[in-house]
């Protein structure tokens, strides 16, 4: 999620996850990147009044439409963690927002939604739901966690495959199910997130590019525009 004054995160009791909230978006004006959701390799369990949804892994920036103005609460799972909780391969949800009732029994989802709607703190109630899903799921695949950690650290796909003991085809197949796309795409998205974090901390763009593995500043600028749909300067000024 693109940061804003209204978007807030807090610690989540589910290891590796983030609990976030965002009030309803305004109907007029605002910066071009307001509410923009950037690719980050993650999947989210979402609540807005009367609905529970799942946000699949993105390959491009997502702009919430008029029907998605919120308010919102979400649990953002670390890369590769959500498919085991939801019982669906990540690639089936790539670049999609789907109703939780499409993945689980409708009566169960209706009951869960009503409970979160009525809760004094819907975000805490959503967090409790995520914890229950995790308790009922198979243990998280340690190999997938190792792949995500290796790519997040900036290691190459080839070095990552060697580290976890998988061939290129096996790594690609496992990555599709866990992350929603192949390891090269995940590596590119995670590199973008590292670059944005550095740039937002005040590191000059040329140095940011060098420190995060881009060929040069122009390469960084092209990647940001392709994945975010906006120039880096627009993202940094939001």
C-alpha atoms as a PDB file:
ATOM      1  CA  UNK A   1       0.000   0.000   0.000  1.00  0.00           C
ATOM      2  CA  UNK A   2       1.302   3.461  -0.880  1.00  0.00           C
ATOM      3  CA  UNK A   3       1.804   5.342   2.425  1.00  0.00           C
ATOM      4  CA  UNK A   4      -0.357   8.335   3.285  1.00  0.00           C
ATOM      5  CA  UNK A   5      -1.240  10.325   6.386  1.00  0.00           C
ATOM      6  CA  UNK A   6      -4.366   8.233   6.859  1.00  0.00           C
ATOM      7  CA  UNK A   7      -2.908   4.777   6.212  1.00  0.00           C
ATOM      8  CA  UNK A   8      -1.573   3.197   9.396  1.00  0.00           C
ATOM      9  CA  UNK A   9       0.129  -0.070  10.280  1.00  0.00           C
ATOM     10  CA  UNK A  10       0.454  -1.775  13.642  1.00  0.00           C
ATOM     11  CA  UNK A  11       2.017  -4.962  14.919  1.00  0.00           C
ATOM     12  CA  UNK A  12       0.198  -8.160  14.031  1.00  0.00           C
ATOM     13  CA  UNK A  13       0.096 -11.213  16.276  1.00  0.00           C
ATOM     14  CA  UNK A  14       0.526 -13.463  13.232  1.00  0.00           C
ATOM     15  CA  UNK A  15       4.301 -13.818  12.652  1.00  0.00           C
ATOM     16  CA  UNK A  16       5.491 -12.063   9.527  1.00  0.00           C
ATOM     17  CA  UNK A  17       2.174 -10.320   8.872  1.00  0.00           C
ATOM     18  CA  UNK A  18       1.207  -6.649   9.103  1.00  0.00           C
ATOM     19  CA  UNK A  19      -2.135  -5.291  10.313  1.00  0.00           C
ATOM     20  CA  UNK A  20      -3.171  -2.072   8.586  1.00  0.00           C
ATOM     21  CA  UNK A  21      -6.124   0.304   8.499  1.00  0.00           C
ATOM     22  CA  UNK A  22      -7.225   3.018   6.121  1.00  0.00           C
ATOM     23  CA  UNK A  23     -10.257   5.312   6.368  1.00  0.00           C
ATOM     24  CA  UNK A  24     -12.566   5.936   3.442  1.00  0.00           C
ATOM     25  CA  UNK A  25     -10.999   7.636   0.448  1.00  0.00           C
ATOM     26  CA  UNK A  26     -12.197  11.107  -0.432  1.00  0.00           C
ATOM     27  CA  UNK A  27     -14.386  11.520  -3.474  1.00  0.00           C
ATOM     28  CA  UNK A  28     -12.600  14.439  -5.075  1.00  0.00           C
ATOM     29  CA  UNK A  29      -9.096  15.757  -5.601  1.00  0.00           C
ATOM     30  CA  UNK A  30      -5.983  14.272  -4.074  1.00  0.00           C
ATOM     31  CA  UNK A  31      -2.576  13.265  -5.340  1.00  0.00           C
ATOM     32  CA  UNK A  32      -2.335  10.895  -8.302  1.00  0.00           C
ATOM     33  CA  UNK A  33      -0.867   8.207  -6.039  1.00  0.00           C
ATOM     34  CA  UNK A  34      -3.445   8.535  -3.226  1.00  0.00           C
ATOM     35  CA  UNK A  35      -4.681   5.083  -2.322  1.00  0.00           C
ATOM     36  CA  UNK A  36      -2.331   3.467  -4.840  1.00  0.00           C
ATOM     37  CA  UNK A  37      -1.373  -0.129  -4.030  1.00  0.00           C
ATOM     38  CA  UNK A  38       2.057  -1.103  -5.341  1.00  0.00           C
ATOM     39  CA  UNK A  39       3.267  -4.641  -6.067  1.00  0.00           C
ATOM     40  CA  UNK A  40       5.035  -6.049  -3.010  1.00  0.00           C
ATOM     41  CA  UNK A  41       4.918  -9.841  -3.412  1.00  0.00           C
ATOM     42  CA  UNK A  42       2.250 -10.118  -0.695  1.00  0.00           C
ATOM     43  CA  UNK A  43      -1.392 -11.123  -0.433  1.00  0.00           C
ATOM     44  CA  UNK A  44      -3.909  -9.460   1.894  1.00  0.00           C
ATOM     45  CA  UNK A  45      -7.042 -10.503   3.757  1.00  0.00           C
ATOM     46  CA  UNK A  46      -9.307  -7.446   3.577  1.00  0.00           C
ATOM     47  CA  UNK A  47     -12.348  -6.161   5.406  1.00  0.00           C
ATOM     48  CA  UNK A  48     -14.632  -3.298   4.491  1.00  0.00           C
ATOM     49  CA  UNK A  49     -18.120  -2.973   5.910  1.00  0.00           C
ATOM     50  CA  UNK A  50     -20.223  -5.906   4.755  1.00  0.00           C
ATOM     51  CA  UNK A  51     -17.413  -7.608   2.826  1.00  0.00           C
ATOM     52  CA  UNK A  52     -14.401  -9.850   3.272  1.00  0.00           C
ATOM     53  CA  UNK A  53     -12.037 -10.066   0.338  1.00  0.00           C
ATOM     54  CA  UNK A  54      -8.638 -11.390  -0.648  1.00  0.00           C
ATOM     55  CA  UNK A  55      -6.155  -9.301  -2.613  1.00  0.00           C
ATOM     56  CA  UNK A  56      -3.950 -11.492  -4.749  1.00  0.00           C
ATOM     57  CA  UNK A  57      -0.320 -10.761  -5.590  1.00  0.00           C
ATOM     58  CA  UNK A  58       0.005  -7.784  -7.926  1.00  0.00           C
ATOM     59  CA  UNK A  59       2.251  -7.432 -10.952  1.00  0.00           C
ATOM     60  CA  UNK A  60       1.267  -3.779 -11.466  1.00  0.00           C
ATOM     61  CA  UNK A  61      -0.083  -0.901  -9.413  1.00  0.00           C
ATOM     62  CA  UNK A  62      -3.707  -1.189  -8.322  1.00  0.00           C
ATOM     63  CA  UNK A  63      -5.948   1.881  -8.191  1.00  0.00           C
ATOM     64  CA  UNK A  64      -9.020   1.426  -5.949  1.00  0.00           C
ATOM     65  CA  UNK A  65     -12.188   2.257  -7.863  1.00  0.00           C
ATOM     66  CA  UNK A  66     -15.263   4.146  -6.623  1.00  0.00           C
ATOM     67  CA  UNK A  67     -16.677   0.966  -5.093  1.00  0.00           C
ATOM     68  CA  UNK A  68     -13.521   0.315  -3.051  1.00  0.00           C
ATOM     69  CA  UNK A  69     -13.281   3.534  -1.040  1.00  0.00           C
ATOM     70  CA  UNK A  70     -13.461   1.947   2.403  1.00  0.00           C
ATOM     71  CA  UNK A  71     -12.913   2.319   5.301  1.00  0.00           C
ATOM     72  CA  UNK A  72     -10.600  -0.682   5.207  1.00  0.00           C
ATOM     73  CA  UNK A  73      -8.673  -3.030   7.458  1.00  0.00           C
ATOM     74  CA  UNK A  74      -6.241  -5.601   6.181  1.00  0.00           C
ATOM     75  CA  UNK A  75      -3.826  -8.316   7.191  1.00  0.00           C
ATOM     76  CA  UNK A  76      -0.908  -8.368   4.784  1.00  0.00           C
ATOM     77  CA  UNK A  77       0.804 -11.760   4.798  1.00  0.00           C
ATOM     78  CA  UNK A  78       4.476 -12.089   4.029  1.00  0.00           C
ATOM     79  CA  UNK A  79       5.293 -13.403   0.532  1.00  0.00           C
ATOM     80  CA  UNK A  80       4.342 -17.051   0.130  1.00  0.00           C
ATOM     81  CA  UNK A  81       2.356 -17.400   3.374  1.00  0.00           C
ATOM     82  CA  UNK A  82      -1.251 -16.807   2.280  1.00  0.00           C
ATOM     83  CA  UNK A  83      -1.932 -19.750  -0.086  1.00  0.00           C
ATOM     84  CA  UNK A  84      -1.709 -22.306   2.728  1.00  0.00           C
ATOM     85  CA  UNK A  85      -4.174 -20.289   4.824  1.00  0.00           C
ATOM     86  CA  UNK A  86      -6.649 -19.790   1.986  1.00  0.00           C
ATOM     87  CA  UNK A  87      -6.292 -23.147   0.255  1.00  0.00           C
ATOM     88  CA  UNK A  88      -5.717 -21.668  -3.206  1.00  0.00           C
ATOM     89  CA  UNK A  89      -2.542 -21.300  -5.311  1.00  0.00           C
ATOM     90  CA  UNK A  90      -1.385 -17.712  -5.461  1.00  0.00           C
ATOM     91  CA  UNK A  91      -1.269 -17.577  -9.268  1.00  0.00           C
ATOM     92  CA  UNK A  92      -5.046 -18.103  -9.391  1.00  0.00           C
ATOM     93  CA  UNK A  93      -5.473 -14.757  -7.605  1.00  0.00           C
ATOM     94  CA  UNK A  94      -2.762 -12.812  -9.412  1.00  0.00           C
ATOM     95  CA  UNK A  95      -3.819  -9.195 -10.047  1.00  0.00           C
ATOM     96  CA  UNK A  96      -7.286  -9.906  -8.628  1.00  0.00           C
ATOM     97  CA  UNK A  97      -9.475  -8.898  -5.672  1.00  0.00           C
ATOM     98  CA  UNK A  98     -11.954 -11.676  -4.914  1.00  0.00           C
ATOM     99  CA  UNK A  99     -14.649 -12.206  -2.331  1.00  0.00           C
ATOM    100  CA  UNK A 100     -13.621 -14.581   0.449  1.00  0.00           C
ATOM    101  CA  UNK A 101     -16.952 -16.331  -0.206  1.00  0.00           C
ATOM    102  CA  UNK A 102     -15.506 -17.429  -3.568  1.00  0.00           C
ATOM    103  CA  UNK A 103     -12.874 -19.406  -1.670  1.00  0.00           C
ATOM    104  CA  UNK A 104     -14.775 -20.582   1.419  1.00  0.00           C
ATOM    105  CA  UNK A 105     -18.404 -21.537   2.200  1.00  0.00           C
ATOM    106  CA  UNK A 106     -20.695 -18.542   1.759  1.00  0.00           C
ATOM    107  CA  UNK A 107     -22.601 -19.106   5.024  1.00  0.00           C
ATOM    108  CA  UNK A 108     -19.342 -19.205   6.983  1.00  0.00           C
ATOM    109  CA  UNK A 109     -18.081 -16.002   5.333  1.00  0.00           C
ATOM    110  CA  UNK A 110     -21.389 -14.232   5.956  1.00  0.00           C
ATOM    111  CA  UNK A 111     -21.174 -15.104   9.658  1.00  0.00           C
ATOM    112  CA  UNK A 112     -17.546 -13.959   9.843  1.00  0.00           C
ATOM    113  CA  UNK A 113     -18.327 -10.707   8.050  1.00  0.00           C
ATOM    114  CA  UNK A 114     -21.212  -9.902  10.372  1.00  0.00           C
ATOM    115  CA  UNK A 115     -18.993 -10.545  13.386  1.00  0.00           C
ATOM    116  CA  UNK A 116     -16.261  -8.204  12.153  1.00  0.00           C
ATOM    117  CA  UNK A 117     -18.810  -5.541  11.171  1.00  0.00           C
ATOM    118  CA  UNK A 118     -20.155  -5.571  14.738  1.00  0.00           C
ATOM    119  CA  UNK A 119     -16.756  -5.615  16.475  1.00  0.00           C
ATOM    120  CA  UNK A 120     -15.598  -2.502  18.396  1.00  0.00           C
ATOM    121  CA  UNK A 121     -12.261  -2.820  16.559  1.00  0.00           C
ATOM    122  CA  UNK A 122     -12.798  -4.457  13.140  1.00  0.00           C
ATOM    123  CA  UNK A 123      -9.055  -4.594  12.516  1.00  0.00           C
ATOM    124  CA  UNK A 124      -8.488  -6.626  15.677  1.00  0.00           C
ATOM    125  CA  UNK A 125     -11.372  -8.922  14.724  1.00  0.00           C
ATOM    126  CA  UNK A 126      -9.838  -9.400  11.268  1.00  0.00           C
ATOM    127  CA  UNK A 127      -6.500 -10.194  12.908  1.00  0.00           C
ATOM    128  CA  UNK A 128      -8.226 -12.848  15.038  1.00  0.00           C
ATOM    129  CA  UNK A 129      -9.692 -14.379  11.869  1.00  0.00           C
ATOM    130  CA  UNK A 130      -6.251 -14.538  10.275  1.00  0.00           C
ATOM    131  CA  UNK A 131      -4.899 -16.269  13.379  1.00  0.00           C
ATOM    132  CA  UNK A 132      -7.686 -18.871  13.202  1.00  0.00           C
ATOM    133  CA  UNK A 133      -6.985 -19.502   9.522  1.00  0.00           C
ATOM    134  CA  UNK A 134      -3.299 -19.954  10.301  1.00  0.00           C
ATOM    135  CA  UNK A 135      -4.056 -22.360  13.153  1.00  0.00           C
ATOM    136  CA  UNK A 136      -6.130 -24.523  10.812  1.00  0.00           C
ATOM    137  CA  UNK A 137      -3.630 -24.464   7.934  1.00  0.00           C
ATOM    138  CA  UNK A 138      -0.669 -26.654   7.158  1.00  0.00           C
ATOM    139  CA  UNK A 139       2.658 -25.355   8.513  1.00  0.00           C
ATOM    140  CA  UNK A 140       4.302 -22.760   6.303  1.00  0.00           C
ATOM    141  CA  UNK A 141       6.786 -24.201   3.805  1.00  0.00           C
ATOM    142  CA  UNK A 142      10.269 -23.355   5.071  1.00  0.00           C
ATOM    143  CA  UNK A 143      11.721 -23.708   1.579  1.00  0.00           C
ATOM    144  CA  UNK A 144       9.344 -21.023   0.295  1.00  0.00           C
ATOM    145  CA  UNK A 145      10.341 -18.768   3.183  1.00  0.00           C
ATOM    146  CA  UNK A 146      13.981 -19.312   2.249  1.00  0.00           C
ATOM    147  CA  UNK A 147      13.290 -18.388  -1.371  1.00  0.00           C
ATOM    148  CA  UNK A 148      11.518 -15.182  -0.372  1.00  0.00           C
ATOM    149  CA  UNK A 149      14.273 -14.235   2.087  1.00  0.00           C
ATOM    150  CA  UNK A 150      17.008 -14.858  -0.474  1.00  0.00           C
ATOM    151  CA  UNK A 151      15.342 -12.774  -3.185  1.00  0.00           C
ATOM    152  CA  UNK A 152      14.444 -10.031  -0.699  1.00  0.00           C
ATOM    153  CA  UNK A 153      18.134  -9.819   0.213  1.00  0.00           C
ATOM    154  CA  UNK A 154      18.959  -9.163  -3.446  1.00  0.00           C
ATOM    155  CA  UNK A 155      20.441 -12.536  -4.359  1.00  0.00           C
ATOM    156  CA  UNK A 156      20.017 -13.709  -7.925  1.00  0.00           C
ATOM    157  CA  UNK A 157      17.456 -16.292  -8.970  1.00  0.00           C
ATOM    158  CA  UNK A 158      20.252 -18.715  -9.860  1.00  0.00           C
ATOM    159  CA  UNK A 159      21.937 -18.285  -6.473  1.00  0.00           C
ATOM    160  CA  UNK A 160      18.583 -18.679  -4.727  1.00  0.00           C
ATOM    161  CA  UNK A 161      17.810 -21.895  -6.600  1.00  0.00           C
ATOM    162  CA  UNK A 162      21.204 -23.290  -5.637  1.00  0.00           C
ATOM    163  CA  UNK A 163      20.753 -22.272  -1.996  1.00  0.00           C
ATOM    164  CA  UNK A 164      17.389 -24.051  -1.625  1.00  0.00           C
ATOM    165  CA  UNK A 165      18.389 -27.038  -3.777  1.00  0.00           C
ATOM    166  CA  UNK A 166      15.846 -26.636  -6.567  1.00  0.00           C
ATOM    167  CA  UNK A 167      16.261 -26.687 -10.330  1.00  0.00           C
ATOM    168  CA  UNK A 168      15.062 -23.730 -12.373  1.00  0.00           C
ATOM    169  CA  UNK A 169      11.800 -25.407 -13.417  1.00  0.00           C
ATOM    170  CA  UNK A 170      11.016 -26.631  -9.913  1.00  0.00           C
ATOM    171  CA  UNK A 171      11.691 -23.187  -8.461  1.00  0.00           C
ATOM    172  CA  UNK A 172       9.445 -21.562 -11.053  1.00  0.00           C
ATOM    173  CA  UNK A 173       6.602 -24.021 -10.406  1.00  0.00           C
ATOM    174  CA  UNK A 174       6.834 -23.692  -6.639  1.00  0.00           C
ATOM    175  CA  UNK A 175       7.026 -19.906  -6.915  1.00  0.00           C
ATOM    176  CA  UNK A 176       3.876 -19.684  -9.044  1.00  0.00           C
ATOM    177  CA  UNK A 177       1.882 -21.543  -6.388  1.00  0.00           C
ATOM    178  CA  UNK A 178       3.368 -19.663  -3.437  1.00  0.00           C
ATOM    179  CA  UNK A 179       3.948 -16.137  -4.742  1.00  0.00           C
ATOM    180  CA  UNK A 180       1.711 -15.913  -7.809  1.00  0.00           C
ATOM    181  CA  UNK A 181       4.526 -15.451 -10.297  1.00  0.00           C
ATOM    182  CA  UNK A 182       7.978 -16.765 -11.099  1.00  0.00           C
ATOM    183  CA  UNK A 183      11.090 -15.924  -9.083  1.00  0.00           C
ATOM    184  CA  UNK A 184      12.349 -13.355 -11.605  1.00  0.00           C
ATOM    185  CA  UNK A 185       9.171 -11.306 -11.264  1.00  0.00           C
ATOM    186  CA  UNK A 186       9.224 -11.620  -7.480  1.00  0.00           C
ATOM    187  CA  UNK A 187      12.879 -10.529  -7.404  1.00  0.00           C
ATOM    188  CA  UNK A 188      12.034  -7.480  -9.526  1.00  0.00           C
ATOM    189  CA  UNK A 189       9.121  -6.505  -7.263  1.00  0.00           C
ATOM    190  CA  UNK A 190      11.138  -6.932  -4.077  1.00  0.00           C
ATOM    191  CA  UNK A 191      13.980  -4.872  -5.583  1.00  0.00           C
ATOM    192  CA  UNK A 192      11.463  -2.104  -6.287  1.00  0.00           C
ATOM    193  CA  UNK A 193      10.352  -2.160  -2.652  1.00  0.00           C
ATOM    194  CA  UNK A 194      13.963  -1.955  -1.430  1.00  0.00           C
ATOM    195  CA  UNK A 195      14.601   0.976  -3.741  1.00  0.00           C
ATOM    196  CA  UNK A 196      11.500   2.844  -2.612  1.00  0.00           C
ATOM    197  CA  UNK A 197      12.444   2.361   1.031  1.00  0.00           C
ATOM    198  CA  UNK A 198      15.902   3.819   0.419  1.00  0.00           C
ATOM    199  CA  UNK A 199      14.627   6.715  -1.676  1.00  0.00           C
ATOM    200  CA  UNK A 200      11.990   7.602   0.918  1.00  0.00           C
ATOM    201  CA  UNK A 201      14.697   7.709   3.579  1.00  0.00           C
ATOM    202  CA  UNK A 202      16.449  10.438   1.634  1.00  0.00           C
ATOM    203  CA  UNK A 203      19.062   8.456  -0.286  1.00  0.00           C
ATOM    204  CA  UNK A 204      19.700  10.126  -3.684  1.00  0.00           C
ATOM    205  CA  UNK A 205      18.197   8.293  -6.641  1.00  0.00           C
ATOM    206  CA  UNK A 206      21.518   7.477  -8.286  1.00  0.00           C
ATOM    207  CA  UNK A 207      22.839   5.967  -5.048  1.00  0.00           C
ATOM    208  CA  UNK A 208      19.540   4.154  -4.509  1.00  0.00           C
ATOM    209  CA  UNK A 209      19.863   2.570  -7.949  1.00  0.00           C
ATOM    210  CA  UNK A 210      23.448   1.450  -7.290  1.00  0.00           C
ATOM    211  CA  UNK A 211      22.689   0.031  -3.847  1.00  0.00           C
ATOM    212  CA  UNK A 212      19.659  -1.976  -4.985  1.00  0.00           C
ATOM    213  CA  UNK A 213      21.131  -3.625  -8.064  1.00  0.00           C
ATOM    214  CA  UNK A 214      19.913  -1.451 -10.931  1.00  0.00           C
ATOM    215  CA  UNK A 215      22.250  -0.784 -13.824  1.00  0.00           C
ATOM    216  CA  UNK A 216      21.844   2.966 -13.330  1.00  0.00           C
ATOM    217  CA  UNK A 217      19.326   5.626 -12.324  1.00  0.00           C
ATOM    218  CA  UNK A 218      17.560   5.419 -15.691  1.00  0.00           C
ATOM    219  CA  UNK A 219      17.017   1.679 -15.159  1.00  0.00           C
ATOM    220  CA  UNK A 220      15.472   2.411 -11.756  1.00  0.00           C
ATOM    221  CA  UNK A 221      13.214   5.070 -13.281  1.00  0.00           C
ATOM    222  CA  UNK A 222      11.993   2.681 -16.011  1.00  0.00           C
ATOM    223  CA  UNK A 223      11.268  -0.083 -13.523  1.00  0.00           C
ATOM    224  CA  UNK A 224       9.337   2.233 -11.212  1.00  0.00           C
ATOM    225  CA  UNK A 225       7.220   3.547 -14.070  1.00  0.00           C
ATOM    226  CA  UNK A 226       6.513   0.040 -15.404  1.00  0.00           C
ATOM    227  CA  UNK A 227       5.527  -1.428 -12.030  1.00  0.00           C
ATOM    228  CA  UNK A 228       3.969   1.614 -10.361  1.00  0.00           C
ATOM    229  CA  UNK A 229       2.628   3.483 -13.376  1.00  0.00           C
ATOM    230  CA  UNK A 230       4.079   6.742 -12.042  1.00  0.00           C
ATOM    231  CA  UNK A 231       7.503   8.417 -12.012  1.00  0.00           C
ATOM    232  CA  UNK A 232       9.583   7.891  -8.897  1.00  0.00           C
ATOM    233  CA  UNK A 233       9.387  11.596  -8.055  1.00  0.00           C
ATOM    234  CA  UNK A 234       5.578  11.401  -7.968  1.00  0.00           C
ATOM    235  CA  UNK A 235       5.675   8.470  -5.552  1.00  0.00           C
ATOM    236  CA  UNK A 236       8.180  10.200  -3.291  1.00  0.00           C
ATOM    237  CA  UNK A 237       6.185  13.435  -3.140  1.00  0.00           C
ATOM    238  CA  UNK A 238       2.882  11.772  -2.188  1.00  0.00           C
END
